[in-house]
């Protein structure tokens, strides 16, 4: 079933607001645009934002919290499976990523990385059972095989990363909640001191040596 991205606003509300109205939005891109604008015949452009929890919002949403996030899992699956770098030459300073749906261009900006892993689950995929990291709130529709030895932490920020889909850069962010859970469970070992990246990660009673390279 093909999911077609459409603006939340009705057609008669798609007008160009003044700059002061633009600036009242919270955490909105600086670039000027209109949701659903058509730069050339048959082309429509929409603008989105992914926060550090992996939630997807229309970029001009006034409040970016759970109730305003897009939540339909099949829509999220189609959106993020098509995610890639923005190679259109349009809005690339702020919207570094793009998801195409037919003639629709969905531009995406994010807090850190657009791929955000939120849960880890034991699943069967293609007849093989293994641990998978789920990302961007699409349930097991968006799952990346978990490689505990490929965990990477940046001590300056405390953020944790894991390999992600190649088309969007090959790196995904571990959501803060999941990273904090692993820390509370003492899965990280800091053999070189806590001011340096962790040297080991413990998963399923096995210790993995970390090289902290992605």
C-alpha atoms as a PDB file:
ATOM      1  CA  UNK A   1       0.000   0.000   0.000  1.00  0.00           C
ATOM      2  CA  UNK A   2       1.495   3.324  -1.044  1.00  0.00           C
ATOM      3  CA  UNK A   3       1.415   6.032   1.576  1.00  0.00           C
ATOM      4  CA  UNK A   4       1.348   9.520   0.055  1.00  0.00           C
ATOM      5  CA  UNK A   5       2.604  12.376   2.146  1.00  0.00           C
ATOM      6  CA  UNK A   6       0.153  15.279   2.334  1.00  0.00           C
ATOM      7  CA  UNK A   7       0.248  18.498   4.345  1.00  0.00           C
ATOM      8  CA  UNK A   8      -1.803  18.686   7.507  1.00  0.00           C
ATOM      9  CA  UNK A   9      -3.116  22.084   6.477  1.00  0.00           C
ATOM     10  CA  UNK A  10      -6.039  22.416   4.091  1.00  0.00           C
ATOM     11  CA  UNK A  11      -5.358  24.052   0.714  1.00  0.00           C
ATOM     12  CA  UNK A  12      -6.949  27.361   1.591  1.00  0.00           C
ATOM     13  CA  UNK A  13      -4.526  27.807   4.501  1.00  0.00           C
ATOM     14  CA  UNK A  14      -1.423  27.410   2.349  1.00  0.00           C
ATOM     15  CA  UNK A  15      -0.489  31.055   2.102  1.00  0.00           C
ATOM     16  CA  UNK A  16       2.734  32.920   2.752  1.00  0.00           C
ATOM     17  CA  UNK A  17       2.702  34.315   6.303  1.00  0.00           C
ATOM     18  CA  UNK A  18       4.814  37.322   7.126  1.00  0.00           C
ATOM     19  CA  UNK A  19       8.286  36.992   8.622  1.00  0.00           C
ATOM     20  CA  UNK A  20       7.173  37.948  12.133  1.00  0.00           C
ATOM     21  CA  UNK A  21       4.649  35.104  12.080  1.00  0.00           C
ATOM     22  CA  UNK A  22       7.380  32.731  10.909  1.00  0.00           C
ATOM     23  CA  UNK A  23       9.640  33.624  13.798  1.00  0.00           C
ATOM     24  CA  UNK A  24       6.968  32.843  16.371  1.00  0.00           C
ATOM     25  CA  UNK A  25       7.323  29.141  15.604  1.00  0.00           C
ATOM     26  CA  UNK A  26       9.429  27.246  18.082  1.00  0.00           C
ATOM     27  CA  UNK A  27      12.560  25.595  16.679  1.00  0.00           C
ATOM     28  CA  UNK A  28      11.663  26.334  13.083  1.00  0.00           C
ATOM     29  CA  UNK A  29      14.197  26.475  10.251  1.00  0.00           C
ATOM     30  CA  UNK A  30      15.430  29.907   9.220  1.00  0.00           C
ATOM     31  CA  UNK A  31      14.743  29.215   5.553  1.00  0.00           C
ATOM     32  CA  UNK A  32      11.562  30.717   4.121  1.00  0.00           C
ATOM     33  CA  UNK A  33       9.152  28.213   2.614  1.00  0.00           C
ATOM     34  CA  UNK A  34       5.489  27.279   2.370  1.00  0.00           C
ATOM     35  CA  UNK A  35       4.414  23.731   3.139  1.00  0.00           C
ATOM     36  CA  UNK A  36       3.249  22.166  -0.131  1.00  0.00           C
ATOM     37  CA  UNK A  37       4.903  24.776  -2.334  1.00  0.00           C
ATOM     38  CA  UNK A  38       5.415  23.938  -6.002  1.00  0.00           C
ATOM     39  CA  UNK A  39       8.742  25.222  -7.403  1.00  0.00           C
ATOM     40  CA  UNK A  40       7.997  23.619 -10.789  1.00  0.00           C
ATOM     41  CA  UNK A  41       4.968  21.926 -12.387  1.00  0.00           C
ATOM     42  CA  UNK A  42       4.021  18.681 -10.667  1.00  0.00           C
ATOM     43  CA  UNK A  43       6.566  19.071  -7.837  1.00  0.00           C
ATOM     44  CA  UNK A  44       5.496  19.587  -4.237  1.00  0.00           C
ATOM     45  CA  UNK A  45       7.796  20.325  -1.328  1.00  0.00           C
ATOM     46  CA  UNK A  46       7.264  19.667   2.382  1.00  0.00           C
ATOM     47  CA  UNK A  47       9.525  20.323   5.346  1.00  0.00           C
ATOM     48  CA  UNK A  48      10.091  18.154   8.403  1.00  0.00           C
ATOM     49  CA  UNK A  49      12.132  17.982  11.600  1.00  0.00           C
ATOM     50  CA  UNK A  50      13.465  14.940  13.511  1.00  0.00           C
ATOM     51  CA  UNK A  51      14.236  15.549  17.172  1.00  0.00           C
ATOM     52  CA  UNK A  52      16.821  13.773  19.364  1.00  0.00           C
ATOM     53  CA  UNK A  53      14.173  11.205  20.325  1.00  0.00           C
ATOM     54  CA  UNK A  54      13.620  10.250  16.684  1.00  0.00           C
ATOM     55  CA  UNK A  55      10.150  11.780  16.456  1.00  0.00           C
ATOM     56  CA  UNK A  56       9.044  13.279  13.147  1.00  0.00           C
ATOM     57  CA  UNK A  57       7.298  16.657  13.004  1.00  0.00           C
ATOM     58  CA  UNK A  58       6.281  19.096  10.337  1.00  0.00           C
ATOM     59  CA  UNK A  59       9.038  21.682  10.610  1.00  0.00           C
ATOM     60  CA  UNK A  60       6.657  24.570  11.181  1.00  0.00           C
ATOM     61  CA  UNK A  61       4.755  22.880  14.022  1.00  0.00           C
ATOM     62  CA  UNK A  62       4.443  25.393  16.831  1.00  0.00           C
ATOM     63  CA  UNK A  63       5.041  22.821  19.567  1.00  0.00           C
ATOM     64  CA  UNK A  64       7.319  19.878  18.917  1.00  0.00           C
ATOM     65  CA  UNK A  65       6.222  17.338  21.494  1.00  0.00           C
ATOM     66  CA  UNK A  66       4.724  13.838  21.400  1.00  0.00           C
ATOM     67  CA  UNK A  67       1.170  14.923  20.651  1.00  0.00           C
ATOM     68  CA  UNK A  68       2.292  16.812  17.530  1.00  0.00           C
ATOM     69  CA  UNK A  69       4.535  14.043  16.149  1.00  0.00           C
ATOM     70  CA  UNK A  70       3.576  11.920  13.159  1.00  0.00           C
ATOM     71  CA  UNK A  71       2.858   8.437  14.511  1.00  0.00           C
ATOM     72  CA  UNK A  72       1.361   6.221  11.789  1.00  0.00           C
ATOM     73  CA  UNK A  73       3.883   3.392  11.513  1.00  0.00           C
ATOM     74  CA  UNK A  74       3.444   2.589   7.811  1.00  0.00           C
ATOM     75  CA  UNK A  75       3.860   6.267   6.965  1.00  0.00           C
ATOM     76  CA  UNK A  76       7.017   6.457   9.090  1.00  0.00           C
ATOM     77  CA  UNK A  77       8.348   3.296   7.454  1.00  0.00           C
ATOM     78  CA  UNK A  78       7.908   4.684   3.934  1.00  0.00           C
ATOM     79  CA  UNK A  79       9.312   8.051   4.954  1.00  0.00           C
ATOM     80  CA  UNK A  80      12.511   6.798   6.578  1.00  0.00           C
ATOM     81  CA  UNK A  81      13.169   3.937   4.129  1.00  0.00           C
ATOM     82  CA  UNK A  82      13.518   6.588   1.420  1.00  0.00           C
ATOM     83  CA  UNK A  83      15.743   8.828   3.514  1.00  0.00           C
ATOM     84  CA  UNK A  84      18.955  10.006   1.860  1.00  0.00           C
ATOM     85  CA  UNK A  85      21.190  13.061   1.644  1.00  0.00           C
ATOM     86  CA  UNK A  86      19.631  16.149   0.101  1.00  0.00           C
ATOM     87  CA  UNK A  87      21.178  16.338  -3.360  1.00  0.00           C
ATOM     88  CA  UNK A  88      18.640  18.719  -4.893  1.00  0.00           C
ATOM     89  CA  UNK A  89      20.615  21.898  -4.331  1.00  0.00           C
ATOM     90  CA  UNK A  90      17.602  23.343  -2.493  1.00  0.00           C
ATOM     91  CA  UNK A  91      17.544  24.177   1.252  1.00  0.00           C
ATOM     92  CA  UNK A  92      20.604  21.970   1.836  1.00  0.00           C
ATOM     93  CA  UNK A  93      22.173  24.334   4.403  1.00  0.00           C
ATOM     94  CA  UNK A  94      19.501  23.446   6.955  1.00  0.00           C
ATOM     95  CA  UNK A  95      17.677  20.481   5.459  1.00  0.00           C
ATOM     96  CA  UNK A  96      20.519  18.063   4.849  1.00  0.00           C
ATOM     97  CA  UNK A  97      18.290  15.048   4.209  1.00  0.00           C
ATOM     98  CA  UNK A  98      15.530  14.193   1.770  1.00  0.00           C
ATOM     99  CA  UNK A  99      12.777  11.593   1.451  1.00  0.00           C
ATOM    100  CA  UNK A 100      11.160  11.306  -1.971  1.00  0.00           C
ATOM    101  CA  UNK A 101       7.632  10.077  -2.573  1.00  0.00           C
ATOM    102  CA  UNK A 102       6.858  10.232  -6.264  1.00  0.00           C
ATOM    103  CA  UNK A 103       7.058  13.904  -7.209  1.00  0.00           C
ATOM    104  CA  UNK A 104       6.954  15.012  -3.599  1.00  0.00           C
ATOM    105  CA  UNK A 105      10.143  16.234  -1.954  1.00  0.00           C
ATOM    106  CA  UNK A 106      10.197  15.898   1.805  1.00  0.00           C
ATOM    107  CA  UNK A 107      13.100  17.918   3.212  1.00  0.00           C
ATOM    108  CA  UNK A 108      14.378  16.916   6.654  1.00  0.00           C
ATOM    109  CA  UNK A 109      16.524  18.627   9.246  1.00  0.00           C
ATOM    110  CA  UNK A 110      17.423  17.141  12.606  1.00  0.00           C
ATOM    111  CA  UNK A 111      18.963  17.784  16.015  1.00  0.00           C
ATOM    112  CA  UNK A 112      21.828  15.352  15.422  1.00  0.00           C
ATOM    113  CA  UNK A 113      21.124  12.410  13.105  1.00  0.00           C
ATOM    114  CA  UNK A 114      17.816  11.627  11.367  1.00  0.00           C
ATOM    115  CA  UNK A 115      18.077   7.934  12.265  1.00  0.00           C
ATOM    116  CA  UNK A 116      17.453   7.567  16.006  1.00  0.00           C
ATOM    117  CA  UNK A 117      17.387   4.140  17.644  1.00  0.00           C
ATOM    118  CA  UNK A 118      14.804   4.029  20.409  1.00  0.00           C
ATOM    119  CA  UNK A 119      14.410   0.357  21.393  1.00  0.00           C
ATOM    120  CA  UNK A 120      16.286  -2.929  21.215  1.00  0.00           C
ATOM    121  CA  UNK A 121      14.294  -6.138  20.683  1.00  0.00           C
ATOM    122  CA  UNK A 122      14.873  -9.794  19.876  1.00  0.00           C
ATOM    123  CA  UNK A 123      13.159 -10.429  16.544  1.00  0.00           C
ATOM    124  CA  UNK A 124      12.953 -12.876  13.695  1.00  0.00           C
ATOM    125  CA  UNK A 125      13.880 -11.288  10.368  1.00  0.00           C
ATOM    126  CA  UNK A 126      14.148 -13.325   7.170  1.00  0.00           C
ATOM    127  CA  UNK A 127      14.094 -16.516   9.175  1.00  0.00           C
ATOM    128  CA  UNK A 128      16.939 -15.462  11.484  1.00  0.00           C
ATOM    129  CA  UNK A 129      16.470 -14.564  15.146  1.00  0.00           C
ATOM    130  CA  UNK A 130      18.700 -11.825  16.514  1.00  0.00           C
ATOM    131  CA  UNK A 131      18.750  -8.558  18.419  1.00  0.00           C
ATOM    132  CA  UNK A 132      17.668  -5.481  16.461  1.00  0.00           C
ATOM    133  CA  UNK A 133      17.640  -1.760  17.125  1.00  0.00           C
ATOM    134  CA  UNK A 134      14.313  -0.181  16.202  1.00  0.00           C
ATOM    135  CA  UNK A 135      14.331   3.386  14.981  1.00  0.00           C
ATOM    136  CA  UNK A 136      12.062   6.386  14.500  1.00  0.00           C
ATOM    137  CA  UNK A 137       8.938   4.919  16.106  1.00  0.00           C
ATOM    138  CA  UNK A 138       7.849   2.591  13.312  1.00  0.00           C
ATOM    139  CA  UNK A 139       8.030  -0.520  15.489  1.00  0.00           C
ATOM    140  CA  UNK A 140       9.741  -3.502  13.914  1.00  0.00           C
ATOM    141  CA  UNK A 141       9.120  -2.064  10.436  1.00  0.00           C
ATOM    142  CA  UNK A 142      12.335  -0.079  10.832  1.00  0.00           C
ATOM    143  CA  UNK A 143      14.961  -2.351  12.359  1.00  0.00           C
ATOM    144  CA  UNK A 144      18.747  -2.449  12.139  1.00  0.00           C
ATOM    145  CA  UNK A 145      20.665  -5.527  13.235  1.00  0.00           C
ATOM    146  CA  UNK A 146      22.300  -4.750  16.571  1.00  0.00           C
ATOM    147  CA  UNK A 147      26.094  -4.955  16.595  1.00  0.00           C
ATOM    148  CA  UNK A 148      27.163  -4.384  20.228  1.00  0.00           C
ATOM    149  CA  UNK A 149      30.847  -4.178  19.290  1.00  0.00           C
ATOM    150  CA  UNK A 150      30.124  -1.220  16.996  1.00  0.00           C
ATOM    151  CA  UNK A 151      28.792   1.067  19.725  1.00  0.00           C
ATOM    152  CA  UNK A 152      30.509   4.453  19.806  1.00  0.00           C
ATOM    153  CA  UNK A 153      30.254   7.086  22.552  1.00  0.00           C
ATOM    154  CA  UNK A 154      31.426  10.690  22.370  1.00  0.00           C
ATOM    155  CA  UNK A 155      32.549  11.603  25.927  1.00  0.00           C
ATOM    156  CA  UNK A 156      32.180  15.372  25.364  1.00  0.00           C
ATOM    157  CA  UNK A 157      28.445  15.032  24.706  1.00  0.00           C
ATOM    158  CA  UNK A 158      27.678  11.632  26.201  1.00  0.00           C
ATOM    159  CA  UNK A 159      25.850  10.719  23.001  1.00  0.00           C
ATOM    160  CA  UNK A 160      26.003   7.156  21.737  1.00  0.00           C
ATOM    161  CA  UNK A 161      25.970   6.043  18.100  1.00  0.00           C
ATOM    162  CA  UNK A 162      25.543   2.808  16.150  1.00  0.00           C
ATOM    163  CA  UNK A 163      25.809   1.947  12.444  1.00  0.00           C
ATOM    164  CA  UNK A 164      22.679   2.872  10.524  1.00  0.00           C
ATOM    165  CA  UNK A 165      21.307   2.772   6.963  1.00  0.00           C
ATOM    166  CA  UNK A 166      23.940   3.558   4.343  1.00  0.00           C
ATOM    167  CA  UNK A 167      21.835   5.986   2.289  1.00  0.00           C
ATOM    168  CA  UNK A 168      21.514   8.435   5.178  1.00  0.00           C
ATOM    169  CA  UNK A 169      25.168   8.388   6.182  1.00  0.00           C
ATOM    170  CA  UNK A 170      25.595   4.986   7.808  1.00  0.00           C
ATOM    171  CA  UNK A 171      25.300   6.294  11.387  1.00  0.00           C
ATOM    172  CA  UNK A 172      22.353   6.425  13.763  1.00  0.00           C
ATOM    173  CA  UNK A 173      21.967   8.078  17.158  1.00  0.00           C
ATOM    174  CA  UNK A 174      21.025   6.009  20.201  1.00  0.00           C
ATOM    175  CA  UNK A 175      18.144   7.842  21.869  1.00  0.00           C
ATOM    176  CA  UNK A 176      19.025   9.406  25.213  1.00  0.00           C
ATOM    177  CA  UNK A 177      16.543   7.211  27.088  1.00  0.00           C
ATOM    178  CA  UNK A 178      18.081   4.009  25.742  1.00  0.00           C
ATOM    179  CA  UNK A 179      21.650   5.234  26.269  1.00  0.00           C
ATOM    180  CA  UNK A 180      20.822   6.179  29.877  1.00  0.00           C
ATOM    181  CA  UNK A 181      19.249   2.762  30.439  1.00  0.00           C
ATOM    182  CA  UNK A 182      22.435   1.063  29.264  1.00  0.00           C
ATOM    183  CA  UNK A 183      24.467   3.323  31.534  1.00  0.00           C
ATOM    184  CA  UNK A 184      22.240   2.492  34.525  1.00  0.00           C
ATOM    185  CA  UNK A 185      22.653  -1.202  33.689  1.00  0.00           C
ATOM    186  CA  UNK A 186      26.431  -0.664  33.748  1.00  0.00           C
ATOM    187  CA  UNK A 187      26.899  -2.006  30.249  1.00  0.00           C
ATOM    188  CA  UNK A 188      29.739   0.425  29.531  1.00  0.00           C
ATOM    189  CA  UNK A 189      33.235  -0.098  30.905  1.00  0.00           C
ATOM    190  CA  UNK A 190      35.702   2.810  30.911  1.00  0.00           C
ATOM    191  CA  UNK A 191      39.114   1.180  30.981  1.00  0.00           C
ATOM    192  CA  UNK A 192      40.838   4.430  29.968  1.00  0.00           C
ATOM    193  CA  UNK A 193      38.917   6.638  32.410  1.00  0.00           C
ATOM    194  CA  UNK A 194      35.504   8.250  32.091  1.00  0.00           C
ATOM    195  CA  UNK A 195      36.969  11.262  30.303  1.00  0.00           C
ATOM    196  CA  UNK A 196      37.662   8.915  27.362  1.00  0.00           C
ATOM    197  CA  UNK A 197      35.345   6.742  25.272  1.00  0.00           C
ATOM    198  CA  UNK A 198      34.257   3.427  26.822  1.00  0.00           C
ATOM    199  CA  UNK A 199      36.489   0.465  26.072  1.00  0.00           C
ATOM    200  CA  UNK A 200      33.924  -2.314  26.523  1.00  0.00           C
ATOM    201  CA  UNK A 201      30.200  -2.945  26.171  1.00  0.00           C
ATOM    202  CA  UNK A 202      28.431  -5.831  27.884  1.00  0.00           C
ATOM    203  CA  UNK A 203      25.507  -7.497  26.130  1.00  0.00           C
ATOM    204  CA  UNK A 204      23.894 -10.870  26.876  1.00  0.00           C
ATOM    205  CA  UNK A 205      26.697 -11.800  29.281  1.00  0.00           C
ATOM    206  CA  UNK A 206      29.315 -11.196  26.596  1.00  0.00           C
ATOM    207  CA  UNK A 207      31.909  -8.420  26.702  1.00  0.00           C
ATOM    208  CA  UNK A 208      32.600  -6.614  23.445  1.00  0.00           C
ATOM    209  CA  UNK A 209      35.770  -4.604  22.898  1.00  0.00           C
ATOM    210  CA  UNK A 210      34.997  -1.136  21.492  1.00  0.00           C
ATOM    211  CA  UNK A 211      37.198   0.743  19.059  1.00  0.00           C
ATOM    212  CA  UNK A 212      34.775   3.695  19.000  1.00  0.00           C
ATOM    213  CA  UNK A 213      34.947   4.038  15.231  1.00  0.00           C
ATOM    214  CA  UNK A 214      32.023   4.380  12.860  1.00  0.00           C
END
